[in-house]
Amino acid sequence: VPVKVKKDLTQSPFVELIAKSQLQLENGRLIVRYSGTESYLRIMVEDINQELALTISKNLAYNLQEQLF
């Protein structure tokens, strides 16, 4: 997700959006972090259910992007 300003992801509403997405995972992991070299927010979702991981990553990217702009 492209960003202009790297806001604190441990604050509301970001932490809640990320936690909600993590709860949707069946058996996997979710990592959200800013790129160290580019103006991007990186979202990595892995799950035993590939379709679920893709859906979660798309929804989280959309929701975080709305809050970052």
PDB file of N, CA and C in Angstrom:
ATOM      1  N   VAL A   1       0.855  -1.170   0.000  1.00  0.00           N
ATOM      2  CA  VAL A   1       0.000   0.000   0.000  1.00  0.00           C
ATOM      3  C   VAL A   1       0.902   1.235   0.000  1.00  0.00           C
ATOM      4  N   PRO A   2       0.768   2.117  -0.982  1.00  0.00           N
ATOM      5  CA  PRO A   2       1.573   3.344  -0.974  1.00  0.00           C
ATOM      6  C   PRO A   2       1.116   4.291   0.136  1.00  0.00           C
ATOM      7  N   VAL A   3       2.082   4.934   0.779  1.00  0.00           N
ATOM      8  CA  VAL A   3       1.768   5.877   1.860  1.00  0.00           C
ATOM      9  C   VAL A   3       2.577   7.156   1.684  1.00  0.00           C
ATOM     10  N   LYS A   4       2.027   8.243   2.189  1.00  0.00           N
ATOM     11  CA  LYS A   4       2.757   9.506   2.190  1.00  0.00           C
ATOM     12  C   LYS A   4       3.411   9.734   3.539  1.00  0.00           C
ATOM     13  N   VAL A   5       2.687   9.390   4.610  1.00  0.00           N
ATOM     14  CA  VAL A   5       3.184   9.543   5.974  1.00  0.00           C
ATOM     15  C   VAL A   5       3.069   8.194   6.679  1.00  0.00           C
ATOM     16  N   LYS A   6       4.135   7.778   7.340  1.00  0.00           N
ATOM     17  CA  LYS A   6       4.127   6.501   8.056  1.00  0.00           C
ATOM     18  C   LYS A   6       3.573   6.719   9.463  1.00  0.00           C
ATOM     19  N   LYS A   7       2.275   6.458   9.615  1.00  0.00           N
ATOM     20  CA  LYS A   7       1.601   6.635  10.895  1.00  0.00           C
ATOM     21  C   LYS A   7       1.868   5.434  11.793  1.00  0.00           C
ATOM     22  N   ASP A   8       1.723   5.634  13.098  1.00  0.00           N
ATOM     23  CA  ASP A   8       1.978   4.596  14.088  1.00  0.00           C
ATOM     24  C   ASP A   8       0.918   3.500  14.006  1.00  0.00           C
ATOM     25  N   LEU A   9       1.332   2.300  13.622  1.00  0.00           N
ATOM     26  CA  LEU A   9       0.397   1.191  13.448  1.00  0.00           C
ATOM     27  C   LEU A   9      -0.042   0.563  14.771  1.00  0.00           C
ATOM     28  N   THR A  10       0.579   0.986  15.887  1.00  0.00           N
ATOM     29  CA  THR A  10       0.184   0.455  17.191  1.00  0.00           C
ATOM     30  C   THR A  10      -0.927   1.290  17.817  1.00  0.00           C
ATOM     31  N   GLN A  11      -1.388   2.291  17.095  1.00  0.00           N
ATOM     32  CA  GLN A  11      -2.455   3.165  17.582  1.00  0.00           C
ATOM     33  C   GLN A  11      -3.761   2.843  16.861  1.00  0.00           C
ATOM     34  N   SER A  12      -4.852   3.317  17.444  1.00  0.00           N
ATOM     35  CA  SER A  12      -6.176   3.161  16.851  1.00  0.00           C
ATOM     36  C   SER A  12      -6.260   4.044  15.603  1.00  0.00           C
ATOM     37  N   PRO A  13      -6.898   3.639  14.571  1.00  0.00           N
ATOM     38  CA  PRO A  13      -7.691   2.438  14.322  1.00  0.00           C
ATOM     39  C   PRO A  13      -6.880   1.285  13.731  1.00  0.00           C
ATOM     40  N   PHE A  14      -5.569   1.514  13.498  1.00  0.00           N
ATOM     41  CA  PHE A  14      -4.757   0.519  12.800  1.00  0.00           C
ATOM     42  C   PHE A  14      -4.651  -0.787  13.569  1.00  0.00           C
ATOM     43  N   VAL A  15      -4.369  -0.692  14.859  1.00  0.00           N
ATOM     44  CA  VAL A  15      -4.190  -1.905  15.658  1.00  0.00           C
ATOM     45  C   VAL A  15      -5.460  -2.755  15.675  1.00  0.00           C
ATOM     46  N   GLU A  16      -6.612  -2.118  15.682  1.00  0.00           N
ATOM     47  CA  GLU A  16      -7.879  -2.862  15.678  1.00  0.00           C
ATOM     48  C   GLU A  16      -8.118  -3.545  14.325  1.00  0.00           C
ATOM     49  N   LEU A  17      -7.826  -2.850  13.245  1.00  0.00           N
ATOM     50  CA  LEU A  17      -8.003  -3.437  11.908  1.00  0.00           C
ATOM     51  C   LEU A  17      -7.091  -4.649  11.714  1.00  0.00           C
ATOM     52  N   ILE A  18      -5.865  -4.537  12.173  1.00  0.00           N
ATOM     53  CA  ILE A  18      -4.915  -5.642  12.038  1.00  0.00           C
ATOM     54  C   ILE A  18      -5.340  -6.823  12.913  1.00  0.00           C
ATOM     55  N   ALA A  19      -5.734  -6.552  14.153  1.00  0.00           N
ATOM     56  CA  ALA A  19      -6.167  -7.613  15.068  1.00  0.00           C
ATOM     57  C   ALA A  19      -7.401  -8.336  14.532  1.00  0.00           C
ATOM     58  N   LYS A  20      -8.338  -7.590  13.987  1.00  0.00           N
ATOM     59  CA  LYS A  20      -9.550  -8.191  13.424  1.00  0.00           C
ATOM     60  C   LYS A  20      -9.203  -9.133  12.270  1.00  0.00           C
ATOM     61  N   SER A  21      -8.245  -8.728  11.450  1.00  0.00           N
ATOM     62  CA  SER A  21      -7.822  -9.570  10.330  1.00  0.00           C
ATOM     63  C   SER A  21      -7.125 -10.840  10.818  1.00  0.00           C
ATOM     64  N   GLN A  22      -6.319 -10.707  11.869  1.00  0.00           N
ATOM     65  CA  GLN A  22      -5.624 -11.872  12.416  1.00  0.00           C
ATOM     66  C   GLN A  22      -6.610 -12.905  12.943  1.00  0.00           C
ATOM     67  N   LEU A  23      -7.695 -12.449  13.519  1.00  0.00           N
ATOM     68  CA  LEU A  23      -8.701 -13.369  14.064  1.00  0.00           C
ATOM     69  C   LEU A  23      -9.400 -14.174  12.969  1.00  0.00           C
ATOM     70  N   GLN A  24      -9.377 -13.687  11.748  1.00  0.00           N
ATOM     71  CA  GLN A  24     -10.036 -14.374  10.641  1.00  0.00           C
ATOM     72  C   GLN A  24      -9.204 -15.543  10.093  1.00  0.00           C
ATOM     73  N   LEU A  25      -7.927 -15.583  10.434  1.00  0.00           N
ATOM     74  CA  LEU A  25      -7.055 -16.637   9.926  1.00  0.00           C
ATOM     75  C   LEU A  25      -7.442 -17.988  10.515  1.00  0.00           C
ATOM     76  N   GLU A  26      -7.366 -19.025   9.694  1.00  0.00           N
ATOM     77  CA  GLU A  26      -7.628 -20.378  10.161  1.00  0.00           C
ATOM     78  C   GLU A  26      -6.378 -20.957  10.826  1.00  0.00           C
ATOM     79  N   ASN A  27      -5.272 -20.927  10.084  1.00  0.00           N
ATOM     80  CA  ASN A  27      -4.010 -21.455  10.583  1.00  0.00           C
ATOM     81  C   ASN A  27      -2.898 -20.768   9.805  1.00  0.00           C
ATOM     82  N   GLY A  28      -2.557 -19.574  10.221  1.00  0.00           N
ATOM     83  CA  GLY A  28      -1.562 -18.830   9.470  1.00  0.00           C
ATOM     84  C   GLY A  28      -1.008 -17.669  10.257  1.00  0.00           C
ATOM     85  N   ARG A  29      -0.439 -16.726   9.543  1.00  0.00           N
ATOM     86  CA  ARG A  29       0.133 -15.540  10.190  1.00  0.00           C
ATOM     87  C   ARG A  29      -0.057 -14.320   9.317  1.00  0.00           C
ATOM     88  N   LEU A  30       0.066 -13.170   9.957  1.00  0.00           N
ATOM     89  CA  LEU A  30      -0.143 -11.887   9.286  1.00  0.00           C
ATOM     90  C   LEU A  30       0.940 -10.931   9.773  1.00  0.00           C
ATOM     91  N   ILE A  31       1.610 -10.287   8.852  1.00  0.00           N
ATOM     92  CA  ILE A  31       2.639  -9.308   9.197  1.00  0.00           C
ATOM     93  C   ILE A  31       2.338  -8.016   8.447  1.00  0.00           C
ATOM     94  N   VAL A  32       2.330  -6.913   9.194  1.00  0.00           N
ATOM     95  CA  VAL A  32       2.114  -5.588   8.616  1.00  0.00           C
ATOM     96  C   VAL A  32       3.272  -4.715   9.075  1.00  0.00           C
ATOM     97  N   ARG A  33       3.990  -4.125   8.117  1.00  0.00           N
ATOM     98  CA  ARG A  33       5.117  -3.256   8.470  1.00  0.00           C
ATOM     99  C   ARG A  33       5.369  -2.275   7.335  1.00  0.00           C
ATOM    100  N   TYR A  34       6.026  -1.206   7.687  1.00  0.00           N
ATOM    101  CA  TYR A  34       6.424  -0.240   6.671  1.00  0.00           C
ATOM    102  C   TYR A  34       7.723  -0.701   6.016  1.00  0.00           C
ATOM    103  N   SER A  35       7.863  -0.404   4.742  1.00  0.00           N
ATOM    104  CA  SER A  35       9.106  -0.660   4.035  1.00  0.00           C
ATOM    105  C   SER A  35      10.171   0.266   4.609  1.00  0.00           C
ATOM    106  N   GLY A  36      11.369  -0.237   4.722  1.00  0.00           N
ATOM    107  CA  GLY A  36      12.462   0.592   5.214  1.00  0.00           C
ATOM    108  C   GLY A  36      13.073   1.478   4.153  1.00  0.00           C
ATOM    109  N   THR A  37      12.806   1.171   2.891  1.00  0.00           N
ATOM    110  CA  THR A  37      13.455   1.899   1.801  1.00  0.00           C
ATOM    111  C   THR A  37      12.498   2.636   0.875  1.00  0.00           C
ATOM    112  N   GLU A  38      11.194   2.297   0.977  1.00  0.00           N
ATOM    113  CA  GLU A  38      10.213   2.923   0.089  1.00  0.00           C
ATOM    114  C   GLU A  38       9.024   3.416   0.907  1.00  0.00           C
ATOM    115  N   SER A  39       8.203   4.233   0.305  1.00  0.00           N
ATOM    116  CA  SER A  39       7.003   4.754   0.976  1.00  0.00           C
ATOM    117  C   SER A  39       5.836   3.799   0.770  1.00  0.00           C
ATOM    118  N   TYR A  40       5.974   2.605   1.351  1.00  0.00           N
ATOM    119  CA  TYR A  40       4.943   1.580   1.237  1.00  0.00           C
ATOM    120  C   TYR A  40       4.684   0.933   2.587  1.00  0.00           C
ATOM    121  N   LEU A  41       3.447   0.515   2.762  1.00  0.00           N
ATOM    122  CA  LEU A  41       3.065  -0.334   3.880  1.00  0.00           C
ATOM    123  C   LEU A  41       2.977  -1.745   3.311  1.00  0.00           C
ATOM    124  N   ARG A  42       3.724  -2.654   3.868  1.00  0.00           N
ATOM    125  CA  ARG A  42       3.755  -4.028   3.370  1.00  0.00           C
ATOM    126  C   ARG A  42       2.836  -4.905   4.212  1.00  0.00           C
ATOM    127  N   ILE A  43       2.039  -5.722   3.536  1.00  0.00           N
ATOM    128  CA  ILE A  43       1.109  -6.633   4.198  1.00  0.00           C
ATOM    129  C   ILE A  43       1.401  -8.038   3.687  1.00  0.00           C
ATOM    130  N   MET A  44       1.705  -8.956   4.617  1.00  0.00           N
ATOM    131  CA  MET A  44       1.959 -10.337   4.255  1.00  0.00           C
ATOM    132  C   MET A  44       0.983 -11.216   5.044  1.00  0.00           C
ATOM    133  N   VAL A  45       0.203 -12.009   4.313  1.00  0.00           N
ATOM    134  CA  VAL A  45      -0.757 -12.912   4.942  1.00  0.00           C
ATOM    135  C   VAL A  45      -0.487 -14.321   4.420  1.00  0.00           C
ATOM    136  N   GLU A  46      -0.289 -15.254   5.348  1.00  0.00           N
ATOM    137  CA  GLU A  46      -0.130 -16.665   5.000  1.00  0.00           C
ATOM    138  C   GLU A  46      -1.186 -17.448   5.758  1.00  0.00           C
ATOM    139  N   ASP A  47      -1.778 -18.422   5.100  1.00  0.00           N
ATOM    140  CA  ASP A  47      -2.748 -19.284   5.759  1.00  0.00           C
ATOM    141  C   ASP A  47      -2.823 -20.600   4.998  1.00  0.00           C
ATOM    142  N   ILE A  48      -3.262 -21.622   5.680  1.00  0.00           N
ATOM    143  CA  ILE A  48      -3.438 -22.927   5.051  1.00  0.00           C
ATOM    144  C   ILE A  48      -4.467 -22.835   3.928  1.00  0.00           C
ATOM    145  N   ASN A  49      -5.418 -21.905   4.071  1.00  0.00           N
ATOM    146  CA  ASN A  49      -6.444 -21.648   3.071  1.00  0.00           C
ATOM    147  C   ASN A  49      -6.001 -20.435   2.243  1.00  0.00           C
ATOM    148  N   GLN A  50      -5.514 -20.685   1.038  1.00  0.00           N
ATOM    149  CA  GLN A  50      -4.958 -19.616   0.199  1.00  0.00           C
ATOM    150  C   GLN A  50      -5.999 -18.564  -0.180  1.00  0.00           C
ATOM    151  N   GLU A  51      -7.214 -18.978  -0.476  1.00  0.00           N
ATOM    152  CA  GLU A  51      -8.268 -18.014  -0.833  1.00  0.00           C
ATOM    153  C   GLU A  51      -8.579 -17.086   0.329  1.00  0.00           C
ATOM    154  N   LEU A  52      -8.613 -17.653   1.542  1.00  0.00           N
ATOM    155  CA  LEU A  52      -8.863 -16.844   2.728  1.00  0.00           C
ATOM    156  C   LEU A  52      -7.742 -15.831   2.926  1.00  0.00           C
ATOM    157  N   ALA A  53      -6.509 -16.252   2.759  1.00  0.00           N
ATOM    158  CA  ALA A  53      -5.367 -15.350   2.916  1.00  0.00           C
ATOM    159  C   ALA A  53      -5.446 -14.197   1.919  1.00  0.00           C
ATOM    160  N   LEU A  54      -5.812 -14.498   0.695  1.00  0.00           N
ATOM    161  CA  LEU A  54      -5.937 -13.464  -0.335  1.00  0.00           C
ATOM    162  C   LEU A  54      -7.055 -12.480   0.004  1.00  0.00           C
ATOM    163  N   THR A  55      -8.182 -12.994   0.451  1.00  0.00           N
ATOM    164  CA  THR A  55      -9.315 -12.136   0.824  1.00  0.00           C
ATOM    165  C   THR A  55      -8.949 -11.238   1.998  1.00  0.00           C
ATOM    166  N   ILE A  56      -8.318 -11.805   3.012  1.00  0.00           N
ATOM    167  CA  ILE A  56      -7.918 -11.022   4.186  1.00  0.00           C
ATOM    168  C   ILE A  56      -6.932  -9.939   3.783  1.00  0.00           C
ATOM    169  N   SER A  57      -5.948 -10.280   2.958  1.00  0.00           N
ATOM    170  CA  SER A  57      -4.943  -9.286   2.570  1.00  0.00           C
ATOM    171  C   SER A  57      -5.561  -8.147   1.761  1.00  0.00           C
ATOM    172  N   LYS A  58      -6.462  -8.468   0.851  1.00  0.00           N
ATOM    173  CA  LYS A  58      -7.116  -7.417   0.056  1.00  0.00           C
ATOM    174  C   LYS A  58      -7.972  -6.507   0.937  1.00  0.00           C
ATOM    175  N   ASN A  59      -8.754  -7.110   1.832  1.00  0.00           N
ATOM    176  CA  ASN A  59      -9.616  -6.312   2.716  1.00  0.00           C
ATOM    177  C   ASN A  59      -8.793  -5.445   3.667  1.00  0.00           C
ATOM    178  N   LEU A  60      -7.733  -6.019   4.227  1.00  0.00           N
ATOM    179  CA  LEU A  60      -6.893  -5.256   5.145  1.00  0.00           C
ATOM    180  C   LEU A  60      -6.196  -4.114   4.412  1.00  0.00           C
ATOM    181  N   ALA A  61      -5.685  -4.383   3.228  1.00  0.00           N
ATOM    182  CA  ALA A  61      -5.029  -3.332   2.439  1.00  0.00           C
ATOM    183  C   ALA A  61      -5.993  -2.190   2.162  1.00  0.00           C
ATOM    184  N   TYR A  62      -7.205  -2.519   1.767  1.00  0.00           N
ATOM    185  CA  TYR A  62      -8.216  -1.503   1.480  1.00  0.00           C
ATOM    186  C   TYR A  62      -8.533  -0.674   2.736  1.00  0.00           C
ATOM    187  N   ASN A  63      -8.768  -1.363   3.856  1.00  0.00           N
ATOM    188  CA  ASN A  63      -9.141  -0.670   5.095  1.00  0.00           C
ATOM    189  C   ASN A  63      -8.001   0.185   5.638  1.00  0.00           C
ATOM    190  N   LEU A  64      -6.793  -0.306   5.567  1.00  0.00           N
ATOM    191  CA  LEU A  64      -5.653   0.479   6.044  1.00  0.00           C
ATOM    192  C   LEU A  64      -5.390   1.673   5.133  1.00  0.00           C
ATOM    193  N   GLN A  65      -5.532   1.469   3.839  1.00  0.00           N
ATOM    194  CA  GLN A  65      -5.320   2.569   2.901  1.00  0.00           C
ATOM    195  C   GLN A  65      -6.324   3.694   3.137  1.00  0.00           C
ATOM    196  N   GLU A  66      -7.571   3.327   3.441  1.00  0.00           N
ATOM    197  CA  GLU A  66      -8.580   4.351   3.748  1.00  0.00           C
ATOM    198  C   GLU A  66      -8.167   5.189   4.951  1.00  0.00           C
ATOM    199  N   GLN A  67      -7.565   4.564   5.956  1.00  0.00           N
ATOM    200  CA  GLN A  67      -7.191   5.267   7.167  1.00  0.00           C
ATOM    201  C   GLN A  67      -5.884   6.059   7.021  1.00  0.00           C
ATOM    202  N   LEU A  68      -5.045   5.644   6.085  1.00  0.00           N
ATOM    203  CA  LEU A  68      -3.747   6.310   5.913  1.00  0.00           C
ATOM    204  C   LEU A  68      -3.835   7.563   5.051  1.00  0.00           C
ATOM    205  N   PHE A  69      -4.928   7.746   4.313  1.00  0.00           N
ATOM    206  CA  PHE A  69      -5.067   8.928   3.467  1.00  0.00           C
ATOM    207  C   PHE A  69      -6.079   9.889   3.986  1.00  0.00           C
TER     208      PHE A  69
END
